[in-house]
N, C-alpha and C. Protein backbone atom coordinates (compact mmCIF):
# COMPACT_ATOMS: atom_id res chain seq x y z
N MET A 1 18.03 0.68 0.61
CA MET A 1 17.59 -0.69 0.34
C MET A 1 16.15 -0.67 -0.19
N LYS A 2 15.91 -1.45 -1.24
CA LYS A 2 14.59 -1.48 -1.84
C LYS A 2 13.60 -2.26 -0.98
N SER A 3 12.36 -1.81 -0.98
CA SER A 3 11.31 -2.54 -0.28
C SER A 3 10.88 -3.73 -1.13
N ASP A 4 10.17 -4.67 -0.51
CA ASP A 4 9.68 -5.83 -1.25
C ASP A 4 8.73 -5.39 -2.36
N ILE A 5 7.96 -4.35 -2.09
CA ILE A 5 7.01 -3.84 -3.10
C ILE A 5 7.76 -3.32 -4.33
N GLN A 6 8.85 -2.57 -4.08
CA GLN A 6 9.64 -2.03 -5.18
C GLN A 6 10.34 -3.15 -5.95
N LEU A 7 10.86 -4.14 -5.21
CA LEU A 7 11.52 -5.27 -5.86
C LEU A 7 10.54 -6.04 -6.76
N LYS A 8 9.33 -6.23 -6.26
CA LYS A 8 8.30 -6.93 -7.04
C LYS A 8 8.05 -6.17 -8.35
N LYS A 9 7.93 -4.86 -8.25
CA LYS A 9 7.69 -4.04 -9.44
C LYS A 9 8.87 -4.12 -10.41
N ASP A 10 10.08 -4.05 -9.88
CA ASP A 10 11.29 -4.09 -10.72
C ASP A 10 11.43 -5.44 -11.42
N VAL A 11 11.16 -6.53 -10.70
CA VAL A 11 11.26 -7.85 -11.30
C VAL A 11 10.22 -8.02 -12.39
N GLU A 12 9.00 -7.58 -12.14
CA GLU A 12 7.94 -7.69 -13.14
C GLU A 12 8.31 -6.91 -14.40
N GLN A 13 8.89 -5.73 -14.22
CA GLN A 13 9.29 -4.93 -15.37
C GLN A 13 10.44 -5.58 -16.13
N GLU A 14 11.37 -6.21 -15.39
CA GLU A 14 12.49 -6.89 -16.03
C GLU A 14 12.00 -8.08 -16.84
N LEU A 15 11.03 -8.81 -16.31
CA LEU A 15 10.45 -9.94 -17.04
C LEU A 15 9.75 -9.47 -18.32
N GLU A 16 9.03 -8.36 -18.22
CA GLU A 16 8.33 -7.82 -19.38
C GLU A 16 9.31 -7.29 -20.42
N TRP A 17 10.44 -6.79 -19.95
CA TRP A 17 11.43 -6.21 -20.86
C TRP A 17 12.17 -7.27 -21.66
N ASP A 18 12.31 -8.47 -21.10
CA ASP A 18 13.08 -9.54 -21.74
C ASP A 18 12.23 -10.20 -22.82
N PRO A 19 12.65 -10.10 -24.10
CA PRO A 19 11.84 -10.67 -25.19
C PRO A 19 11.80 -12.20 -25.19
N ALA A 20 12.67 -12.85 -24.42
CA ALA A 20 12.70 -14.31 -24.39
C ALA A 20 11.66 -14.88 -23.43
N ILE A 21 10.90 -14.01 -22.74
CA ILE A 21 9.98 -14.46 -21.69
C ILE A 21 8.57 -13.97 -21.95
N ASN A 22 7.60 -14.86 -21.78
CA ASN A 22 6.20 -14.47 -21.80
C ASN A 22 5.81 -14.09 -20.37
N ALA A 23 5.98 -12.83 -20.05
CA ALA A 23 5.79 -12.37 -18.68
C ALA A 23 4.39 -12.61 -18.15
N ALA A 24 3.41 -12.72 -19.04
CA ALA A 24 2.03 -12.95 -18.61
C ALA A 24 1.87 -14.28 -17.90
N GLY A 25 2.80 -15.22 -18.15
CA GLY A 25 2.71 -16.53 -17.53
C GLY A 25 3.44 -16.65 -16.21
N VAL A 26 3.99 -15.52 -15.72
CA VAL A 26 4.80 -15.56 -14.50
C VAL A 26 4.21 -14.65 -13.42
N GLY A 27 3.98 -15.23 -12.24
CA GLY A 27 3.57 -14.45 -11.08
C GLY A 27 4.77 -14.20 -10.18
N VAL A 28 4.85 -13.01 -9.60
CA VAL A 28 6.00 -12.63 -8.79
C VAL A 28 5.56 -12.29 -7.36
N GLU A 29 6.24 -12.91 -6.39
CA GLU A 29 6.04 -12.59 -4.99
C GLU A 29 7.41 -12.33 -4.37
N VAL A 30 7.47 -11.39 -3.42
CA VAL A 30 8.74 -11.05 -2.78
C VAL A 30 8.56 -10.95 -1.28
N HIS A 31 9.41 -11.63 -0.53
CA HIS A 31 9.39 -11.57 0.93
C HIS A 31 10.83 -11.51 1.43
N GLY A 32 11.16 -10.41 2.10
CA GLY A 32 12.50 -10.26 2.64
C GLY A 32 13.59 -10.25 1.59
N GLY A 33 13.28 -9.76 0.41
CA GLY A 33 14.26 -9.71 -0.67
C GLY A 33 14.37 -10.99 -1.47
N ILE A 34 13.65 -12.05 -1.07
CA ILE A 34 13.65 -13.32 -1.79
C ILE A 34 12.48 -13.32 -2.78
N VAL A 35 12.79 -13.50 -4.03
CA VAL A 35 11.79 -13.48 -5.10
C VAL A 35 11.33 -14.90 -5.43
N THR A 36 10.01 -15.10 -5.48
CA THR A 36 9.44 -16.39 -5.90
C THR A 36 8.72 -16.19 -7.22
N LEU A 37 9.10 -17.00 -8.21
CA LEU A 37 8.45 -16.97 -9.51
C LEU A 37 7.56 -18.19 -9.64
N ALA A 38 6.28 -18.00 -9.93
CA ALA A 38 5.34 -19.11 -10.06
C ALA A 38 4.52 -18.94 -11.34
N GLY A 39 3.94 -20.05 -11.80
CA GLY A 39 3.15 -20.01 -13.02
C GLY A 39 3.60 -21.06 -13.99
N HIS A 40 3.39 -20.82 -15.29
CA HIS A 40 3.83 -21.77 -16.29
C HIS A 40 4.31 -21.06 -17.54
N LEU A 41 5.31 -21.66 -18.19
CA LEU A 41 5.90 -21.11 -19.40
C LEU A 41 5.96 -22.18 -20.48
N GLY A 42 6.26 -21.76 -21.70
CA GLY A 42 6.18 -22.67 -22.83
C GLY A 42 7.43 -23.45 -23.15
N SER A 43 8.55 -23.19 -22.43
CA SER A 43 9.77 -23.94 -22.72
C SER A 43 10.69 -23.89 -21.51
N TYR A 44 11.61 -24.85 -21.47
CA TYR A 44 12.58 -24.90 -20.38
C TYR A 44 13.54 -23.72 -20.47
N SER A 45 13.92 -23.33 -21.69
CA SER A 45 14.82 -22.20 -21.86
C SER A 45 14.17 -20.91 -21.37
N GLU A 46 12.87 -20.79 -21.52
CA GLU A 46 12.14 -19.62 -21.03
C GLU A 46 12.15 -19.59 -19.50
N LYS A 47 12.05 -20.75 -18.90
CA LYS A 47 12.12 -20.87 -17.44
C LYS A 47 13.49 -20.40 -16.93
N LEU A 48 14.56 -20.81 -17.62
CA LEU A 48 15.90 -20.39 -17.24
C LEU A 48 16.06 -18.88 -17.42
N ALA A 49 15.48 -18.35 -18.50
CA ALA A 49 15.58 -16.91 -18.76
C ALA A 49 14.86 -16.10 -17.69
N ALA A 50 13.73 -16.62 -17.20
CA ALA A 50 12.98 -15.93 -16.15
C ALA A 50 13.81 -15.85 -14.87
N ARG A 51 14.47 -16.94 -14.53
CA ARG A 51 15.32 -16.94 -13.33
C ARG A 51 16.45 -15.93 -13.47
N LYS A 52 17.10 -15.91 -14.62
CA LYS A 52 18.20 -14.97 -14.84
C LYS A 52 17.72 -13.52 -14.80
N ALA A 53 16.53 -13.28 -15.33
CA ALA A 53 15.98 -11.92 -15.34
C ALA A 53 15.77 -11.42 -13.91
N ALA A 54 15.22 -12.28 -13.06
CA ALA A 54 15.01 -11.89 -11.66
C ALA A 54 16.33 -11.65 -10.95
N GLN A 55 17.33 -12.46 -11.27
CA GLN A 55 18.64 -12.32 -10.64
C GLN A 55 19.35 -11.03 -11.05
N ARG A 56 18.99 -10.49 -12.21
CA ARG A 56 19.63 -9.26 -12.68
C ARG A 56 19.19 -8.03 -11.91
N VAL A 57 18.06 -8.10 -11.25
CA VAL A 57 17.51 -6.93 -10.57
C VAL A 57 18.29 -6.63 -9.29
N GLY A 58 18.73 -5.41 -9.16
CA GLY A 58 19.48 -5.00 -7.99
C GLY A 58 18.66 -5.09 -6.71
N GLY A 59 19.25 -5.62 -5.64
CA GLY A 59 18.55 -5.75 -4.36
C GLY A 59 17.96 -7.11 -4.11
N VAL A 60 17.88 -7.96 -5.16
CA VAL A 60 17.33 -9.31 -4.99
C VAL A 60 18.36 -10.18 -4.28
N LYS A 61 17.94 -10.82 -3.20
CA LYS A 61 18.85 -11.66 -2.40
C LYS A 61 18.83 -13.12 -2.82
N GLY A 62 17.75 -13.55 -3.42
CA GLY A 62 17.63 -14.93 -3.85
C GLY A 62 16.40 -15.11 -4.72
N VAL A 63 16.39 -16.19 -5.50
CA VAL A 63 15.27 -16.45 -6.40
C VAL A 63 14.81 -17.89 -6.24
N VAL A 64 13.53 -18.07 -5.97
CA VAL A 64 12.92 -19.40 -5.89
C VAL A 64 12.06 -19.58 -7.13
N VAL A 65 12.32 -20.65 -7.89
CA VAL A 65 11.61 -20.87 -9.15
C VAL A 65 10.59 -22.00 -8.97
N GLU A 66 9.32 -21.67 -9.09
CA GLU A 66 8.24 -22.64 -9.00
C GLU A 66 7.43 -22.62 -10.30
N LEU A 67 8.13 -22.53 -11.41
CA LEU A 67 7.50 -22.44 -12.72
C LEU A 67 7.39 -23.82 -13.37
N ASP A 68 6.24 -24.12 -13.93
CA ASP A 68 6.03 -25.35 -14.69
C ASP A 68 6.27 -25.08 -16.17
N VAL A 69 6.76 -26.09 -16.87
CA VAL A 69 6.93 -25.98 -18.32
C VAL A 69 5.79 -26.73 -19.00
N ARG A 70 5.00 -26.02 -19.78
CA ARG A 70 3.91 -26.62 -20.54
C ARG A 70 4.15 -26.33 -22.01
N ILE A 71 4.70 -27.30 -22.70
CA ILE A 71 5.09 -27.10 -24.09
C ILE A 71 3.86 -27.09 -24.99
N PRO A 72 3.67 -26.04 -25.78
CA PRO A 72 2.52 -25.99 -26.70
C PRO A 72 2.64 -27.05 -27.79
N ASP A 73 1.52 -27.41 -28.36
CA ASP A 73 1.50 -28.48 -29.36
C ASP A 73 2.45 -28.20 -30.52
N ALA A 74 2.55 -26.95 -30.94
CA ALA A 74 3.39 -26.61 -32.09
C ALA A 74 4.88 -26.84 -31.81
N SER A 75 5.26 -26.87 -30.54
CA SER A 75 6.67 -27.04 -30.18
C SER A 75 6.99 -28.44 -29.68
N ARG A 76 6.00 -29.30 -29.61
CA ARG A 76 6.25 -30.65 -29.09
C ARG A 76 7.10 -31.46 -30.06
N ARG A 77 7.97 -32.28 -29.49
CA ARG A 77 8.80 -33.18 -30.28
C ARG A 77 8.79 -34.55 -29.61
N THR A 78 8.99 -35.59 -30.40
CA THR A 78 9.05 -36.92 -29.81
C THR A 78 10.36 -37.06 -29.04
N ASP A 79 10.38 -37.99 -28.11
CA ASP A 79 11.61 -38.23 -27.35
C ASP A 79 12.75 -38.64 -28.28
N GLU A 80 12.43 -39.39 -29.33
CA GLU A 80 13.46 -39.81 -30.29
C GLU A 80 14.05 -38.60 -31.01
N ASP A 81 13.19 -37.66 -31.41
CA ASP A 81 13.67 -36.46 -32.08
C ASP A 81 14.58 -35.64 -31.16
N ILE A 82 14.15 -35.47 -29.91
CA ILE A 82 14.94 -34.70 -28.95
C ILE A 82 16.30 -35.36 -28.73
N ALA A 83 16.29 -36.69 -28.57
CA ALA A 83 17.53 -37.43 -28.32
C ALA A 83 18.49 -37.29 -29.50
N ASN A 84 17.98 -37.39 -30.71
CA ASN A 84 18.84 -37.30 -31.89
C ASN A 84 19.48 -35.92 -32.02
N VAL A 85 18.69 -34.88 -31.81
CA VAL A 85 19.22 -33.52 -31.90
C VAL A 85 20.20 -33.25 -30.76
N ALA A 86 19.86 -33.69 -29.55
CA ALA A 86 20.73 -33.47 -28.40
C ALA A 86 22.08 -34.15 -28.59
N ARG A 87 22.07 -35.37 -29.11
CA ARG A 87 23.33 -36.08 -29.36
C ARG A 87 24.19 -35.31 -30.37
N SER A 88 23.55 -34.77 -31.38
CA SER A 88 24.28 -34.01 -32.38
C SER A 88 24.89 -32.74 -31.78
N VAL A 89 24.10 -32.06 -30.96
CA VAL A 89 24.58 -30.82 -30.32
C VAL A 89 25.78 -31.11 -29.42
N LEU A 90 25.69 -32.18 -28.64
CA LEU A 90 26.80 -32.53 -27.75
C LEU A 90 28.04 -32.93 -28.55
N LYS A 91 27.83 -33.64 -29.65
CA LYS A 91 28.95 -34.10 -30.48
C LYS A 91 29.71 -32.93 -31.07
N TRP A 92 28.99 -31.85 -31.40
CA TRP A 92 29.62 -30.70 -32.03
C TRP A 92 30.07 -29.64 -31.02
N ASN A 93 29.88 -29.89 -29.74
CA ASN A 93 30.33 -28.94 -28.71
C ASN A 93 31.84 -29.06 -28.55
N ALA A 94 32.55 -27.97 -28.85
CA ALA A 94 34.02 -28.01 -28.84
C ALA A 94 34.60 -28.23 -27.44
N GLY A 95 33.82 -27.95 -26.41
CA GLY A 95 34.33 -28.09 -25.05
C GLY A 95 34.23 -29.50 -24.49
N LEU A 96 33.66 -30.42 -25.27
CA LEU A 96 33.47 -31.79 -24.78
C LEU A 96 34.19 -32.79 -25.66
N HIS A 97 34.72 -33.82 -25.03
CA HIS A 97 35.29 -34.92 -25.80
C HIS A 97 34.15 -35.74 -26.39
N GLU A 98 34.31 -36.17 -27.61
CA GLU A 98 33.24 -36.92 -28.27
C GLU A 98 32.91 -38.20 -27.49
N ASP A 99 31.63 -38.43 -27.28
CA ASP A 99 31.12 -39.62 -26.58
C ASP A 99 31.41 -39.61 -25.08
N SER A 100 31.84 -38.47 -24.52
CA SER A 100 32.08 -38.41 -23.07
C SER A 100 30.77 -38.27 -22.30
N VAL A 101 29.72 -37.82 -22.97
CA VAL A 101 28.42 -37.61 -22.33
C VAL A 101 27.36 -38.45 -23.04
N GLN A 102 26.58 -39.19 -22.26
CA GLN A 102 25.46 -39.96 -22.79
C GLN A 102 24.15 -39.33 -22.32
N LEU A 103 23.08 -39.64 -23.00
CA LEU A 103 21.80 -39.05 -22.61
C LEU A 103 20.65 -40.01 -22.84
N SER A 104 19.57 -39.76 -22.11
CA SER A 104 18.31 -40.48 -22.33
C SER A 104 17.18 -39.47 -22.23
N VAL A 105 16.09 -39.74 -22.88
CA VAL A 105 14.95 -38.82 -22.90
C VAL A 105 13.67 -39.57 -22.61
N GLU A 106 12.88 -39.04 -21.70
CA GLU A 106 11.58 -39.64 -21.37
C GLU A 106 10.57 -38.53 -21.13
N LYS A 107 9.59 -38.44 -22.01
CA LYS A 107 8.54 -37.42 -21.92
C LYS A 107 9.13 -36.01 -21.83
N GLY A 108 10.15 -35.77 -22.62
CA GLY A 108 10.76 -34.45 -22.67
C GLY A 108 11.77 -34.18 -21.58
N ARG A 109 11.97 -35.13 -20.67
CA ARG A 109 12.95 -34.98 -19.59
C ARG A 109 14.28 -35.59 -20.05
N VAL A 110 15.29 -34.75 -20.17
CA VAL A 110 16.59 -35.19 -20.65
C VAL A 110 17.51 -35.47 -19.46
N THR A 111 18.07 -36.68 -19.40
CA THR A 111 19.02 -37.05 -18.35
C THR A 111 20.39 -37.22 -18.97
N LEU A 112 21.37 -36.49 -18.43
CA LEU A 112 22.74 -36.55 -18.93
C LEU A 112 23.60 -37.37 -17.97
N THR A 113 24.37 -38.31 -18.52
CA THR A 113 25.29 -39.12 -17.72
C THR A 113 26.64 -39.15 -18.43
N GLY A 114 27.60 -39.82 -17.81
CA GLY A 114 28.93 -39.89 -18.38
C GLY A 114 29.97 -39.33 -17.44
N GLU A 115 31.17 -39.08 -17.95
CA GLU A 115 32.27 -38.58 -17.13
C GLU A 115 33.10 -37.60 -17.93
N VAL A 116 33.40 -36.45 -17.33
CA VAL A 116 34.21 -35.42 -17.99
C VAL A 116 35.39 -35.03 -17.10
N ASP A 117 36.31 -34.27 -17.66
CA ASP A 117 37.51 -33.89 -16.93
C ASP A 117 37.30 -32.70 -16.00
N TRP A 118 36.38 -31.82 -16.39
CA TRP A 118 36.20 -30.56 -15.65
C TRP A 118 34.73 -30.32 -15.33
N GLY A 119 34.47 -29.64 -14.22
CA GLY A 119 33.10 -29.31 -13.84
C GLY A 119 32.41 -28.42 -14.85
N TYR A 120 33.17 -27.49 -15.45
CA TYR A 120 32.54 -26.57 -16.40
C TYR A 120 32.02 -27.31 -17.63
N GLN A 121 32.64 -28.47 -17.95
CA GLN A 121 32.19 -29.24 -19.10
C GLN A 121 30.81 -29.86 -18.84
N ALA A 122 30.58 -30.27 -17.61
CA ALA A 122 29.26 -30.81 -17.24
C ALA A 122 28.20 -29.72 -17.37
N LYS A 123 28.55 -28.51 -16.95
CA LYS A 123 27.62 -27.39 -17.06
C LYS A 123 27.38 -27.02 -18.52
N ALA A 124 28.46 -27.09 -19.33
CA ALA A 124 28.33 -26.76 -20.75
C ALA A 124 27.41 -27.75 -21.46
N ALA A 125 27.51 -29.03 -21.10
CA ALA A 125 26.65 -30.04 -21.71
C ALA A 125 25.18 -29.77 -21.37
N GLU A 126 24.93 -29.41 -20.12
CA GLU A 126 23.57 -29.10 -19.69
C GLU A 126 23.02 -27.89 -20.44
N LYS A 127 23.84 -26.87 -20.56
CA LYS A 127 23.42 -25.64 -21.25
C LYS A 127 23.13 -25.91 -22.73
N ALA A 128 23.92 -26.81 -23.33
CA ALA A 128 23.78 -27.09 -24.75
C ALA A 128 22.42 -27.68 -25.10
N VAL A 129 21.88 -28.52 -24.22
CA VAL A 129 20.60 -29.18 -24.54
C VAL A 129 19.40 -28.48 -23.91
N ALA A 130 19.65 -27.56 -22.98
CA ALA A 130 18.55 -26.91 -22.26
C ALA A 130 17.66 -26.07 -23.16
N HIS A 131 18.21 -25.58 -24.28
CA HIS A 131 17.45 -24.67 -25.14
C HIS A 131 16.84 -25.37 -26.35
N LEU A 132 16.90 -26.69 -26.39
CA LEU A 132 16.32 -27.41 -27.50
C LEU A 132 14.79 -27.44 -27.41
N ARG A 133 14.15 -27.35 -28.53
CA ARG A 133 12.69 -27.39 -28.59
C ARG A 133 12.16 -28.73 -28.09
N GLY A 134 11.15 -28.68 -27.24
CA GLY A 134 10.54 -29.90 -26.72
C GLY A 134 11.08 -30.38 -25.39
N VAL A 135 12.18 -29.78 -24.91
CA VAL A 135 12.78 -30.18 -23.64
C VAL A 135 12.02 -29.55 -22.47
N CYS A 136 11.61 -30.38 -21.51
CA CYS A 136 10.88 -29.89 -20.33
C CYS A 136 11.81 -29.60 -19.16
N ILE A 137 12.85 -30.43 -19.01
CA ILE A 137 13.79 -30.27 -17.91
C ILE A 137 15.06 -31.05 -18.25
N VAL A 138 16.19 -30.63 -17.67
CA VAL A 138 17.45 -31.33 -17.88
C VAL A 138 17.98 -31.79 -16.53
N LEU A 139 18.22 -33.09 -16.38
CA LEU A 139 18.78 -33.66 -15.17
C LEU A 139 20.24 -33.98 -15.43
N ASN A 140 21.13 -33.24 -14.77
CA ASN A 140 22.57 -33.39 -15.02
C ASN A 140 23.17 -34.35 -14.00
N GLN A 141 23.49 -35.57 -14.44
CA GLN A 141 24.11 -36.58 -13.58
C GLN A 141 25.52 -36.94 -14.06
N ILE A 142 26.14 -36.01 -14.76
CA ILE A 142 27.49 -36.23 -15.28
C ILE A 142 28.50 -36.18 -14.13
N LYS A 143 29.42 -37.12 -14.11
CA LYS A 143 30.46 -37.17 -13.09
C LYS A 143 31.72 -36.45 -13.58
N VAL A 144 32.47 -35.91 -12.63
CA VAL A 144 33.72 -35.22 -12.94
C VAL A 144 34.88 -36.03 -12.35
N LYS A 145 35.88 -36.29 -13.17
CA LYS A 145 37.03 -37.06 -12.72
C LYS A 145 37.79 -36.31 -11.63
N ALA A 146 38.24 -37.04 -10.62
CA ALA A 146 39.05 -36.42 -9.56
C ALA A 146 40.43 -36.11 -10.13
N ARG A 147 40.85 -34.86 -10.02
CA ARG A 147 42.12 -34.43 -10.60
C ARG A 147 43.05 -33.75 -9.60
N ALA A 148 42.56 -33.45 -8.43
CA ALA A 148 43.39 -32.71 -7.48
C ALA A 148 42.95 -33.01 -6.06
N LYS A 149 43.83 -32.73 -5.10
CA LYS A 149 43.53 -32.90 -3.69
C LYS A 149 42.66 -31.73 -3.21
N PRO A 150 41.86 -31.96 -2.15
CA PRO A 150 40.99 -30.90 -1.63
C PRO A 150 41.73 -29.58 -1.37
N GLY A 151 42.92 -29.67 -0.77
CA GLY A 151 43.67 -28.45 -0.48
C GLY A 151 44.07 -27.71 -1.73
N ASP A 152 44.41 -28.45 -2.77
CA ASP A 152 44.78 -27.84 -4.05
C ASP A 152 43.58 -27.14 -4.68
N ILE A 153 42.40 -27.81 -4.61
CA ILE A 153 41.19 -27.22 -5.19
C ILE A 153 40.84 -25.92 -4.48
N ALA A 154 40.83 -25.94 -3.15
CA ALA A 154 40.48 -24.75 -2.37
C ALA A 154 41.45 -23.62 -2.67
N GLY A 155 42.75 -23.94 -2.75
CA GLY A 155 43.75 -22.92 -3.02
C GLY A 155 43.57 -22.28 -4.37
N LYS A 156 43.25 -23.07 -5.39
CA LYS A 156 43.05 -22.54 -6.74
C LYS A 156 41.80 -21.66 -6.80
N ILE A 157 40.74 -22.06 -6.10
CA ILE A 157 39.51 -21.25 -6.09
C ILE A 157 39.77 -19.92 -5.39
N GLU A 158 40.41 -19.96 -4.23
CA GLU A 158 40.70 -18.73 -3.50
C GLU A 158 41.58 -17.79 -4.30
N ALA A 159 42.56 -18.36 -5.02
CA ALA A 159 43.43 -17.53 -5.85
C ALA A 159 42.64 -16.88 -6.99
N ALA A 160 41.71 -17.65 -7.57
CA ALA A 160 40.88 -17.12 -8.66
C ALA A 160 39.99 -15.99 -8.16
N LEU A 161 39.41 -16.17 -6.97
CA LEU A 161 38.56 -15.13 -6.40
C LEU A 161 39.34 -13.85 -6.17
N LYS A 162 40.55 -13.97 -5.70
CA LYS A 162 41.37 -12.79 -5.44
C LYS A 162 41.73 -12.07 -6.74
N ARG A 163 41.93 -12.84 -7.80
CA ARG A 163 42.23 -12.22 -9.09
C ARG A 163 41.04 -11.45 -9.63
N HIS A 164 39.85 -12.00 -9.40
CA HIS A 164 38.65 -11.39 -9.96
C HIS A 164 38.11 -10.26 -9.10
N ALA A 165 38.14 -10.44 -7.79
CA ALA A 165 37.56 -9.43 -6.90
C ALA A 165 38.22 -9.55 -5.52
N GLN A 166 39.26 -8.79 -5.33
CA GLN A 166 40.05 -8.87 -4.10
C GLN A 166 39.19 -8.62 -2.86
N GLU A 167 38.34 -7.61 -2.91
CA GLU A 167 37.54 -7.24 -1.72
C GLU A 167 36.53 -8.32 -1.38
N GLU A 168 35.79 -8.82 -2.39
CA GLU A 168 34.76 -9.83 -2.14
C GLU A 168 35.38 -11.14 -1.66
N ALA A 169 36.58 -11.46 -2.15
CA ALA A 169 37.23 -12.71 -1.79
C ALA A 169 37.50 -12.82 -0.30
N GLN A 170 37.69 -11.69 0.35
CA GLN A 170 37.99 -11.69 1.79
C GLN A 170 36.81 -12.18 2.61
N HIS A 171 35.61 -12.14 2.04
CA HIS A 171 34.40 -12.50 2.79
C HIS A 171 33.86 -13.88 2.43
N ILE A 172 34.58 -14.63 1.58
CA ILE A 172 34.12 -15.93 1.13
C ILE A 172 34.99 -17.04 1.73
N LYS A 173 34.33 -18.04 2.31
CA LYS A 173 35.01 -19.21 2.84
C LYS A 173 34.77 -20.39 1.91
N VAL A 174 35.84 -21.11 1.59
CA VAL A 174 35.75 -22.24 0.66
C VAL A 174 36.06 -23.54 1.39
N HIS A 175 35.11 -24.47 1.34
CA HIS A 175 35.34 -25.80 1.93
C HIS A 175 35.22 -26.84 0.84
N VAL A 176 36.17 -27.77 0.80
CA VAL A 176 36.18 -28.81 -0.23
C VAL A 176 36.22 -30.19 0.41
N GLY A 177 35.34 -31.07 -0.04
CA GLY A 177 35.32 -32.44 0.44
C GLY A 177 34.84 -33.37 -0.65
N ASP A 178 35.66 -34.33 -1.06
CA ASP A 178 35.30 -35.32 -2.07
C ASP A 178 34.79 -34.66 -3.36
N GLY A 179 35.47 -33.60 -3.78
CA GLY A 179 35.11 -32.94 -5.03
C GLY A 179 33.94 -31.99 -4.94
N THR A 180 33.34 -31.87 -3.76
CA THR A 180 32.22 -30.94 -3.57
C THR A 180 32.71 -29.67 -2.90
N VAL A 181 32.43 -28.54 -3.51
CA VAL A 181 32.85 -27.24 -2.98
C VAL A 181 31.65 -26.56 -2.33
N THR A 182 31.82 -26.15 -1.08
CA THR A 182 30.78 -25.39 -0.38
C THR A 182 31.28 -23.97 -0.19
N LEU A 183 30.49 -23.01 -0.64
CA LEU A 183 30.85 -21.60 -0.55
C LEU A 183 29.98 -20.91 0.49
N ARG A 184 30.63 -20.25 1.44
CA ARG A 184 29.90 -19.52 2.48
C ARG A 184 30.44 -18.09 2.59
N GLY A 185 29.58 -17.19 3.01
CA GLY A 185 30.00 -15.81 3.17
C GLY A 185 28.95 -14.87 2.61
N THR A 186 29.33 -13.62 2.43
CA THR A 186 28.39 -12.60 1.97
C THR A 186 28.96 -11.87 0.76
N VAL A 187 28.11 -11.69 -0.25
CA VAL A 187 28.49 -10.93 -1.43
C VAL A 187 27.53 -9.76 -1.60
N GLY A 188 27.91 -8.81 -2.44
CA GLY A 188 27.11 -7.61 -2.58
C GLY A 188 25.94 -7.72 -3.54
N SER A 189 25.96 -8.71 -4.43
CA SER A 189 24.89 -8.85 -5.41
C SER A 189 24.84 -10.28 -5.94
N LEU A 190 23.76 -10.60 -6.64
CA LEU A 190 23.63 -11.93 -7.24
C LEU A 190 24.64 -12.12 -8.37
N ASP A 191 25.03 -11.02 -9.03
CA ASP A 191 26.05 -11.12 -10.07
C ASP A 191 27.38 -11.56 -9.47
N GLU A 192 27.73 -10.99 -8.31
CA GLU A 192 28.96 -11.39 -7.62
C GLU A 192 28.87 -12.85 -7.18
N LYS A 193 27.69 -13.23 -6.73
CA LYS A 193 27.45 -14.61 -6.31
C LYS A 193 27.70 -15.57 -7.47
N SER A 194 27.18 -15.21 -8.64
CA SER A 194 27.35 -16.03 -9.83
C SER A 194 28.82 -16.12 -10.21
N ALA A 195 29.54 -15.01 -10.10
CA ALA A 195 30.96 -14.99 -10.45
C ALA A 195 31.77 -15.91 -9.54
N VAL A 196 31.43 -15.92 -8.26
CA VAL A 196 32.13 -16.78 -7.30
C VAL A 196 31.86 -18.25 -7.63
N CYS A 197 30.60 -18.58 -7.94
CA CYS A 197 30.26 -19.97 -8.29
C CYS A 197 30.97 -20.40 -9.56
N ASN A 198 31.06 -19.51 -10.54
CA ASN A 198 31.74 -19.84 -11.78
C ASN A 198 33.22 -20.10 -11.54
N ALA A 199 33.82 -19.32 -10.64
CA ALA A 199 35.23 -19.53 -10.31
C ALA A 199 35.43 -20.91 -9.68
N ALA A 200 34.49 -21.31 -8.85
CA ALA A 200 34.57 -22.63 -8.21
C ALA A 200 34.44 -23.75 -9.24
N TRP A 201 33.51 -23.59 -10.16
CA TRP A 201 33.30 -24.62 -11.20
C TRP A 201 34.51 -24.76 -12.11
N SER A 202 35.32 -23.72 -12.23
CA SER A 202 36.46 -23.76 -13.13
C SER A 202 37.68 -24.46 -12.55
N ALA A 203 37.65 -24.78 -11.27
CA ALA A 203 38.79 -25.44 -10.63
C ALA A 203 38.83 -26.92 -10.99
N PRO A 204 40.02 -27.50 -11.12
CA PRO A 204 40.13 -28.92 -11.47
C PRO A 204 39.61 -29.82 -10.36
N GLY A 205 38.90 -30.88 -10.72
CA GLY A 205 38.42 -31.85 -9.74
C GLY A 205 37.11 -31.53 -9.08
N VAL A 206 36.51 -30.38 -9.41
CA VAL A 206 35.23 -29.99 -8.78
C VAL A 206 34.08 -30.75 -9.43
N ARG A 207 33.32 -31.46 -8.59
CA ARG A 207 32.18 -32.25 -9.08
C ARG A 207 30.85 -31.58 -8.78
N HIS A 208 30.78 -30.89 -7.64
CA HIS A 208 29.55 -30.20 -7.26
C HIS A 208 29.92 -28.89 -6.58
N VAL A 209 29.04 -27.89 -6.71
CA VAL A 209 29.22 -26.62 -6.02
C VAL A 209 27.95 -26.33 -5.22
N ILE A 210 28.11 -26.20 -3.91
CA ILE A 210 26.98 -25.88 -3.03
C ILE A 210 27.09 -24.40 -2.63
N ASP A 211 26.11 -23.64 -2.99
CA ASP A 211 26.11 -22.20 -2.75
C ASP A 211 25.33 -21.89 -1.47
N GLU A 212 26.05 -21.54 -0.42
CA GLU A 212 25.43 -21.14 0.84
C GLU A 212 25.74 -19.67 1.14
N MET A 213 26.06 -18.92 0.11
CA MET A 213 26.37 -17.50 0.28
C MET A 213 25.09 -16.67 0.39
N SER A 214 25.18 -15.58 1.09
CA SER A 214 24.06 -14.65 1.21
C SER A 214 24.40 -13.35 0.52
N VAL A 215 23.37 -12.61 0.17
CA VAL A 215 23.56 -11.32 -0.49
C VAL A 215 23.20 -10.21 0.47
N GLY A 216 24.11 -9.26 0.63
CA GLY A 216 23.87 -8.15 1.55
C GLY A 216 25.18 -7.46 1.89
N PRO A 217 25.13 -6.49 2.77
CA PRO A 217 26.36 -5.80 3.17
C PRO A 217 27.29 -6.73 3.91
N SER A 218 28.57 -6.66 3.63
CA SER A 218 29.55 -7.54 4.27
C SER A 218 29.94 -7.01 5.63
């Protein structure tokens, strides 16, 4: 098992290695395998990239992101410009029905609303606008239509987990209530954790996924 000192070094090197991140703007602290990223970056997409970079490092149990987005003058856009481009991006996204998602922009903060058939579509809409120039943060308030009973949702998620990773599935408990899926148990890495969450988001009727899983030996 890596020490906190080694994890800190590995995360810092991973941040420096990723060309999408200005590592000089990120401070790294590690306590008990939990990584905290603090500082400021020039875009929301860079903030997301920093989180993913830390999650890629083996031995990391969790990532806390305390990064501010400070958009440089050269990258600033008016709220009207951001809204127009975001609407176009959503309109051309093949995974979304046209006009199923609405948006508003205030000081670079994009709020998504509307209703979609699947949870993954809400995530896809968020991802589509997160990398636009001038965006500071994306607030995803998109609702997902109820399509299945709780028992059906849990059964489909458990079946998907078994197809993807039979051994890990034995250690994951799935609870469903009013379209919200809560995942509990232990996985071997953050990559496995992400895979389990993705499986949950792919089930019909899922509106929210609460991740209460821990990383460590099962």
